[in-house]
Amino acid sequence: MSFAETLILIFSIIGLLDTLYLSYHAINKSPVACPFFPDEWCRKVQRSKQSRLFGFPNAFAGLLMYTLILMFLGLSMTQRVFPVWPVSVVVTIGFLFSMYFMYVQARVLKAYCTWCVLSAINFSVMFFAVLFLL
């Protein structure tokens, strides 16, 4: 396993745990803990109209993306004929969405969510790691 694949594996597991936590709170409509930022910032982000995509919490999309990344990464590492480009595509989509949501938090909501920032960091690291796989 290459260093880039190891980074993608580690950060996608962290992201999966992050989105599981956010999905749990989205389903139960309970506030998330907000280390590093004021609690009201996380609540503001969590309750914003931008926190949902096609009627579903963004955490669900993140959960799907991190699951796909792990699945495609596993296939590309175990099957010599399975290409690495599906990992690259999902990571790139996740990276672009994360950058958009960071913009929304900074410019529109003027509030940050710890878990959203963590996901943006994860996708940024994975995006740059993917560049070494291509």
N, C-alpha and C. Protein backbone atom coordinates (compact mmCIF):
# COMPACT_ATOMS: atom_id res chain seq x y z
N MET A 1 0.86 -1.18 0.00
CA MET A 1 0.00 0.00 0.00
C MET A 1 0.90 1.23 0.00
N SER A 2 0.62 2.15 -0.90
CA SER A 2 1.42 3.37 -1.00
C SER A 2 1.07 4.33 0.13
N PHE A 3 1.93 5.34 0.31
CA PHE A 3 1.69 6.35 1.33
C PHE A 3 0.39 7.10 1.05
N ALA A 4 0.13 7.41 -0.22
CA ALA A 4 -1.10 8.12 -0.60
C ALA A 4 -2.33 7.27 -0.26
N GLU A 5 -2.27 5.97 -0.55
CA GLU A 5 -3.39 5.08 -0.23
C GLU A 5 -3.60 4.99 1.28
N THR A 6 -2.51 4.96 2.03
CA THR A 6 -2.61 4.92 3.49
C THR A 6 -3.27 6.18 4.02
N LEU A 7 -2.87 7.34 3.50
CA LEU A 7 -3.50 8.60 3.91
C LEU A 7 -5.00 8.59 3.61
N ILE A 8 -5.35 8.17 2.41
CA ILE A 8 -6.76 8.13 2.02
C ILE A 8 -7.53 7.18 2.93
N LEU A 9 -6.95 6.04 3.24
CA LEU A 9 -7.60 5.07 4.12
C LEU A 9 -7.83 5.66 5.51
N ILE A 10 -6.80 6.25 6.10
CA ILE A 10 -6.91 6.81 7.46
C ILE A 10 -7.93 7.94 7.49
N PHE A 11 -7.84 8.87 6.55
CA PHE A 11 -8.72 10.04 6.58
C PHE A 11 -10.15 9.70 6.18
N SER A 12 -10.34 8.66 5.38
CA SER A 12 -11.71 8.27 5.06
C SER A 12 -12.36 7.56 6.25
N ILE A 13 -11.58 6.84 7.06
CA ILE A 13 -12.13 6.24 8.28
C ILE A 13 -12.51 7.33 9.27
N ILE A 14 -11.64 8.33 9.43
CA ILE A 14 -11.96 9.47 10.30
C ILE A 14 -13.23 10.16 9.80
N GLY A 15 -13.32 10.37 8.50
CA GLY A 15 -14.50 11.01 7.92
C GLY A 15 -15.76 10.19 8.10
N LEU A 16 -15.63 8.88 7.97
CA LEU A 16 -16.78 8.00 8.18
C LEU A 16 -17.30 8.14 9.61
N LEU A 17 -16.39 8.15 10.58
CA LEU A 17 -16.80 8.32 11.98
C LEU A 17 -17.44 9.70 12.19
N ASP A 18 -16.86 10.72 11.58
CA ASP A 18 -17.38 12.08 11.66
C ASP A 18 -18.82 12.13 11.13
N THR A 19 -19.05 11.57 9.96
CA THR A 19 -20.39 11.63 9.37
C THR A 19 -21.38 10.70 10.06
N LEU A 20 -20.90 9.62 10.65
CA LEU A 20 -21.79 8.78 11.47
C LEU A 20 -22.30 9.58 12.67
N TYR A 21 -21.39 10.31 13.31
CA TYR A 21 -21.76 11.16 14.45
C TYR A 21 -22.78 12.21 14.02
N LEU A 22 -22.51 12.90 12.92
CA LEU A 22 -23.42 13.94 12.44
C LEU A 22 -24.76 13.35 11.99
N SER A 23 -24.73 12.19 11.36
CA SER A 23 -25.97 11.54 10.91
C SER A 23 -26.83 11.15 12.10
N TYR A 24 -26.20 10.63 13.14
CA TYR A 24 -26.92 10.26 14.36
C TYR A 24 -27.67 11.47 14.91
N HIS A 25 -26.96 12.60 15.00
CA HIS A 25 -27.59 13.81 15.54
C HIS A 25 -28.63 14.39 14.59
N ALA A 26 -28.44 14.22 13.29
CA ALA A 26 -29.44 14.70 12.33
C ALA A 26 -30.72 13.88 12.45
N ILE A 27 -30.59 12.58 12.60
CA ILE A 27 -31.76 11.71 12.73
C ILE A 27 -32.51 12.01 14.02
N ASN A 28 -31.76 12.20 15.11
CA ASN A 28 -32.38 12.45 16.42
C ASN A 28 -32.70 13.92 16.66
N LYS A 29 -32.33 14.77 15.71
CA LYS A 29 -32.56 16.22 15.83
C LYS A 29 -31.99 16.77 17.14
N SER A 30 -30.82 16.27 17.50
CA SER A 30 -30.16 16.73 18.73
C SER A 30 -28.92 17.55 18.35
N PRO A 31 -28.55 18.50 19.20
CA PRO A 31 -27.39 19.34 18.89
C PRO A 31 -26.09 18.53 19.01
N VAL A 32 -25.12 18.92 18.20
CA VAL A 32 -23.81 18.26 18.26
C VAL A 32 -22.92 19.02 19.23
N ALA A 33 -21.93 18.34 19.78
CA ALA A 33 -20.91 19.02 20.59
C ALA A 33 -20.10 19.89 19.63
N CYS A 34 -19.59 20.99 20.13
CA CYS A 34 -18.90 21.92 19.23
C CYS A 34 -17.55 22.35 19.82
N PRO A 35 -16.60 21.42 19.90
CA PRO A 35 -15.29 21.83 20.40
C PRO A 35 -14.62 22.81 19.44
N PHE A 36 -13.87 23.74 19.98
CA PHE A 36 -13.10 24.75 19.24
C PHE A 36 -13.91 25.95 18.76
N PHE A 37 -15.23 25.84 18.71
CA PHE A 37 -16.08 26.95 18.28
C PHE A 37 -17.23 27.10 19.28
N PRO A 38 -17.86 28.28 19.34
CA PRO A 38 -19.03 28.44 20.22
C PRO A 38 -20.14 27.47 19.83
N ASP A 39 -20.84 26.94 20.83
CA ASP A 39 -21.92 25.98 20.58
C ASP A 39 -22.97 26.53 19.62
N GLU A 40 -23.28 27.82 19.75
CA GLU A 40 -24.33 28.38 18.89
C GLU A 40 -23.90 28.37 17.42
N TRP A 41 -22.61 28.37 17.14
CA TRP A 41 -22.16 28.30 15.75
C TRP A 41 -22.52 26.96 15.13
N CYS A 42 -22.25 25.89 15.86
CA CYS A 42 -22.58 24.55 15.33
C CYS A 42 -24.09 24.42 15.14
N ARG A 43 -24.86 24.94 16.10
CA ARG A 43 -26.32 24.87 15.96
C ARG A 43 -26.79 25.67 14.75
N LYS A 44 -26.18 26.85 14.55
CA LYS A 44 -26.55 27.68 13.40
C LYS A 44 -26.26 26.95 12.09
N VAL A 45 -25.11 26.31 11.99
CA VAL A 45 -24.76 25.56 10.78
C VAL A 45 -25.69 24.36 10.63
N GLN A 46 -25.92 23.66 11.74
CA GLN A 46 -26.75 22.44 11.72
C GLN A 46 -28.18 22.75 11.30
N ARG A 47 -28.70 23.93 11.65
CA ARG A 47 -30.09 24.28 11.35
C ARG A 47 -30.26 25.08 10.06
N SER A 48 -29.16 25.41 9.40
CA SER A 48 -29.25 26.24 8.20
C SER A 48 -29.85 25.47 7.03
N LYS A 49 -30.40 26.22 6.07
CA LYS A 49 -30.96 25.57 4.89
C LYS A 49 -29.87 24.90 4.07
N GLN A 50 -28.62 25.38 4.19
CA GLN A 50 -27.51 24.79 3.45
C GLN A 50 -27.04 23.46 4.04
N SER A 51 -27.60 23.08 5.19
CA SER A 51 -27.18 21.82 5.83
C SER A 51 -27.90 20.62 5.24
N ARG A 52 -28.75 20.87 4.25
CA ARG A 52 -29.50 19.78 3.62
C ARG A 52 -29.31 19.83 2.11
N LEU A 53 -29.21 18.66 1.51
CA LEU A 53 -29.06 18.54 0.07
C LEU A 53 -30.17 17.64 -0.44
N PHE A 54 -31.04 18.17 -1.29
CA PHE A 54 -32.19 17.44 -1.81
C PHE A 54 -33.06 16.89 -0.68
N GLY A 55 -33.17 17.65 0.42
CA GLY A 55 -34.01 17.26 1.53
C GLY A 55 -33.34 16.36 2.55
N PHE A 56 -32.11 15.94 2.29
CA PHE A 56 -31.40 15.06 3.21
C PHE A 56 -30.25 15.82 3.86
N PRO A 57 -29.94 15.50 5.13
CA PRO A 57 -28.79 16.15 5.77
C PRO A 57 -27.50 15.89 4.98
N ASN A 58 -26.64 16.89 4.91
CA ASN A 58 -25.36 16.74 4.21
C ASN A 58 -24.55 15.59 4.78
N ALA A 59 -24.75 15.30 6.06
CA ALA A 59 -24.01 14.20 6.69
C ALA A 59 -24.29 12.88 5.97
N PHE A 60 -25.51 12.70 5.46
CA PHE A 60 -25.84 11.47 4.74
C PHE A 60 -25.03 11.37 3.45
N ALA A 61 -24.88 12.49 2.76
CA ALA A 61 -24.06 12.50 1.53
C ALA A 61 -22.61 12.20 1.88
N GLY A 62 -22.13 12.78 2.97
CA GLY A 62 -20.76 12.50 3.41
C GLY A 62 -20.57 11.04 3.77
N LEU A 63 -21.56 10.48 4.45
CA LEU A 63 -21.52 9.07 4.82
C LEU A 63 -21.42 8.20 3.57
N LEU A 64 -22.21 8.53 2.57
CA LEU A 64 -22.17 7.79 1.31
C LEU A 64 -20.81 7.93 0.63
N MET A 65 -20.29 9.16 0.58
CA MET A 65 -19.01 9.39 -0.08
C MET A 65 -17.86 8.66 0.61
N TYR A 66 -17.80 8.75 1.94
CA TYR A 66 -16.71 8.07 2.65
C TYR A 66 -16.82 6.56 2.50
N THR A 67 -18.04 6.03 2.48
CA THR A 67 -18.24 4.59 2.27
C THR A 67 -17.78 4.18 0.87
N LEU A 68 -18.14 4.98 -0.13
CA LEU A 68 -17.70 4.68 -1.50
C LEU A 68 -16.18 4.75 -1.63
N ILE A 69 -15.57 5.74 -0.99
CA ILE A 69 -14.11 5.86 -1.04
C ILE A 69 -13.46 4.60 -0.46
N LEU A 70 -13.94 4.18 0.71
CA LEU A 70 -13.38 2.97 1.33
C LEU A 70 -13.59 1.75 0.45
N MET A 71 -14.77 1.63 -0.12
CA MET A 71 -15.08 0.48 -0.98
C MET A 71 -14.20 0.49 -2.23
N PHE A 72 -14.13 1.63 -2.92
CA PHE A 72 -13.33 1.72 -4.14
C PHE A 72 -11.84 1.56 -3.85
N LEU A 73 -11.38 2.13 -2.72
CA LEU A 73 -9.98 1.99 -2.35
C LEU A 73 -9.65 0.52 -2.08
N GLY A 74 -10.53 -0.14 -1.36
CA GLY A 74 -10.33 -1.57 -1.09
C GLY A 74 -10.28 -2.38 -2.36
N LEU A 75 -11.19 -2.10 -3.28
CA LEU A 75 -11.20 -2.82 -4.56
C LEU A 75 -9.94 -2.54 -5.38
N SER A 76 -9.51 -1.29 -5.40
CA SER A 76 -8.32 -0.96 -6.20
C SER A 76 -7.05 -1.57 -5.61
N MET A 77 -7.05 -1.80 -4.29
CA MET A 77 -5.86 -2.39 -3.66
C MET A 77 -5.87 -3.92 -3.77
N THR A 78 -7.05 -4.53 -3.84
CA THR A 78 -7.11 -5.99 -3.86
C THR A 78 -7.28 -6.57 -5.26
N GLN A 79 -7.84 -5.81 -6.16
CA GLN A 79 -8.07 -6.27 -7.53
C GLN A 79 -7.14 -5.51 -8.47
N ARG A 80 -6.21 -6.19 -9.04
CA ARG A 80 -5.24 -5.52 -9.93
C ARG A 80 -5.90 -4.86 -11.14
N VAL A 81 -7.05 -5.35 -11.54
CA VAL A 81 -7.70 -4.80 -12.73
C VAL A 81 -8.66 -3.65 -12.40
N PHE A 82 -8.94 -3.41 -11.11
CA PHE A 82 -9.86 -2.33 -10.74
C PHE A 82 -9.10 -1.01 -10.73
N PRO A 83 -9.55 -0.02 -11.49
CA PRO A 83 -8.82 1.25 -11.59
C PRO A 83 -8.97 2.10 -10.33
N VAL A 84 -8.04 3.02 -10.16
CA VAL A 84 -8.06 3.91 -9.00
C VAL A 84 -8.92 5.15 -9.27
N TRP A 85 -9.32 5.38 -10.53
CA TRP A 85 -10.04 6.61 -10.84
C TRP A 85 -11.36 6.77 -10.10
N PRO A 86 -12.12 5.70 -9.75
CA PRO A 86 -13.35 5.95 -8.98
C PRO A 86 -13.07 6.60 -7.62
N VAL A 87 -11.97 6.22 -6.98
CA VAL A 87 -11.58 6.87 -5.72
C VAL A 87 -11.33 8.35 -5.99
N SER A 88 -10.61 8.63 -7.05
CA SER A 88 -10.27 10.02 -7.40
C SER A 88 -11.52 10.86 -7.66
N VAL A 89 -12.48 10.29 -8.35
CA VAL A 89 -13.72 11.01 -8.67
C VAL A 89 -14.50 11.35 -7.40
N VAL A 90 -14.70 10.36 -6.52
CA VAL A 90 -15.48 10.60 -5.30
C VAL A 90 -14.74 11.58 -4.39
N VAL A 91 -13.43 11.43 -4.25
CA VAL A 91 -12.65 12.35 -3.41
C VAL A 91 -12.74 13.77 -3.98
N THR A 92 -12.64 13.92 -5.27
CA THR A 92 -12.72 15.25 -5.89
C THR A 92 -14.09 15.88 -5.67
N ILE A 93 -15.14 15.12 -5.83
CA ILE A 93 -16.50 15.63 -5.57
C ILE A 93 -16.63 16.05 -4.11
N GLY A 94 -16.17 15.20 -3.20
CA GLY A 94 -16.21 15.54 -1.77
C GLY A 94 -15.41 16.78 -1.45
N PHE A 95 -14.24 16.90 -2.06
CA PHE A 95 -13.39 18.08 -1.85
C PHE A 95 -14.11 19.34 -2.32
N LEU A 96 -14.70 19.30 -3.50
CA LEU A 96 -15.40 20.48 -4.03
C LEU A 96 -16.60 20.87 -3.16
N PHE A 97 -17.37 19.87 -2.73
CA PHE A 97 -18.49 20.16 -1.83
C PHE A 97 -17.99 20.75 -0.52
N SER A 98 -16.92 20.19 0.03
CA SER A 98 -16.37 20.69 1.29
C SER A 98 -15.91 22.14 1.16
N MET A 99 -15.27 22.46 0.05
CA MET A 99 -14.82 23.84 -0.15
C MET A 99 -16.03 24.78 -0.27
N TYR A 100 -17.07 24.33 -0.96
CA TYR A 100 -18.29 25.14 -1.06
C TYR A 100 -18.90 25.36 0.33
N PHE A 101 -18.98 24.30 1.13
CA PHE A 101 -19.58 24.43 2.46
C PHE A 101 -18.70 25.26 3.39
N MET A 102 -17.39 25.24 3.21
CA MET A 102 -16.53 26.12 4.00
C MET A 102 -16.79 27.57 3.62
N TYR A 103 -16.99 27.83 2.33
CA TYR A 103 -17.34 29.17 1.87
C TYR A 103 -18.66 29.62 2.50
N VAL A 104 -19.66 28.74 2.49
CA VAL A 104 -20.97 29.06 3.07
C VAL A 104 -20.82 29.39 4.56
N GLN A 105 -20.04 28.59 5.27
CA GLN A 105 -19.85 28.85 6.70
C GLN A 105 -19.16 30.20 6.92
N ALA A 106 -18.14 30.49 6.13
CA ALA A 106 -17.36 31.71 6.32
C ALA A 106 -18.11 32.96 5.87
N ARG A 107 -18.76 32.91 4.71
CA ARG A 107 -19.33 34.12 4.12
C ARG A 107 -20.83 34.29 4.31
N VAL A 108 -21.57 33.19 4.33
CA VAL A 108 -23.03 33.29 4.44
C VAL A 108 -23.46 33.18 5.89
N LEU A 109 -23.07 32.11 6.55
CA LEU A 109 -23.51 31.87 7.93
C LEU A 109 -22.65 32.61 8.96
N LYS A 110 -21.41 32.88 8.60
CA LYS A 110 -20.46 33.50 9.53
C LYS A 110 -20.38 32.70 10.83
N ALA A 111 -20.36 31.39 10.67
CA ALA A 111 -20.27 30.46 11.80
C ALA A 111 -19.65 29.16 11.27
N TYR A 112 -18.89 28.51 12.13
CA TYR A 112 -18.24 27.27 11.74
C TYR A 112 -18.70 26.12 12.61
N CYS A 113 -18.74 24.95 12.01
CA CYS A 113 -19.04 23.71 12.72
C CYS A 113 -17.75 22.89 12.74
N THR A 114 -17.35 22.47 13.93
CA THR A 114 -16.12 21.68 14.09
C THR A 114 -16.11 20.48 13.16
N TRP A 115 -17.23 19.79 13.07
CA TRP A 115 -17.30 18.53 12.31
C TRP A 115 -17.25 18.78 10.82
N CYS A 116 -17.78 19.92 10.38
CA CYS A 116 -17.71 20.29 8.96
C CYS A 116 -16.28 20.68 8.59
N VAL A 117 -15.62 21.39 9.49
CA VAL A 117 -14.23 21.76 9.25
C VAL A 117 -13.36 20.50 9.20
N LEU A 118 -13.63 19.55 10.11
CA LEU A 118 -12.90 18.28 10.10
C LEU A 118 -13.08 17.56 8.77
N SER A 119 -14.30 17.53 8.27
CA SER A 119 -14.57 16.88 6.99
C SER A 119 -13.85 17.60 5.85
N ALA A 120 -13.81 18.92 5.89
CA ALA A 120 -13.09 19.68 4.86
C ALA A 120 -11.59 19.38 4.91
N ILE A 121 -11.05 19.26 6.11
CA ILE A 121 -9.63 18.90 6.24
C ILE A 121 -9.41 17.49 5.68
N ASN A 122 -10.30 16.57 6.03
CA ASN A 122 -10.18 15.19 5.53
C ASN A 122 -10.17 15.16 4.01
N PHE A 123 -11.16 15.81 3.40
CA PHE A 123 -11.24 15.80 1.94
C PHE A 123 -10.06 16.53 1.30
N SER A 124 -9.54 17.56 1.95
CA SER A 124 -8.37 18.26 1.41
C SER A 124 -7.15 17.35 1.39
N VAL A 125 -6.91 16.66 2.51
CA VAL A 125 -5.77 15.74 2.58
C VAL A 125 -5.94 14.63 1.54
N MET A 126 -7.15 14.07 1.46
CA MET A 126 -7.38 12.98 0.50
C MET A 126 -7.25 13.48 -0.94
N PHE A 127 -7.70 14.70 -1.21
CA PHE A 127 -7.60 15.25 -2.56
C PHE A 127 -6.14 15.35 -2.99
N PHE A 128 -5.29 15.87 -2.11
CA PHE A 128 -3.88 15.99 -2.47
C PHE A 128 -3.20 14.63 -2.53
N ALA A 129 -3.65 13.68 -1.72
CA ALA A 129 -3.12 12.31 -1.80
C ALA A 129 -3.51 11.65 -3.12
N VAL A 130 -4.74 11.91 -3.57
CA VAL A 130 -5.22 11.34 -4.83
C VAL A 130 -4.36 11.80 -6.01
N LEU A 131 -3.86 13.02 -5.93
CA LEU A 131 -3.01 13.53 -7.02
C LEU A 131 -1.78 12.66 -7.22
N PHE A 132 -1.31 12.01 -6.14
CA PHE A 132 -0.15 11.13 -6.24
C PHE A 132 -0.51 9.75 -6.77
N LEU A 133 -1.80 9.42 -6.76
CA LEU A 133 -2.23 8.12 -7.29
C LEU A 133 -2.43 8.15 -8.80
N LEU A 134 -2.65 9.33 -9.33
CA LEU A 134 -2.95 9.45 -10.77
C LEU A 134 -1.71 9.35 -11.63
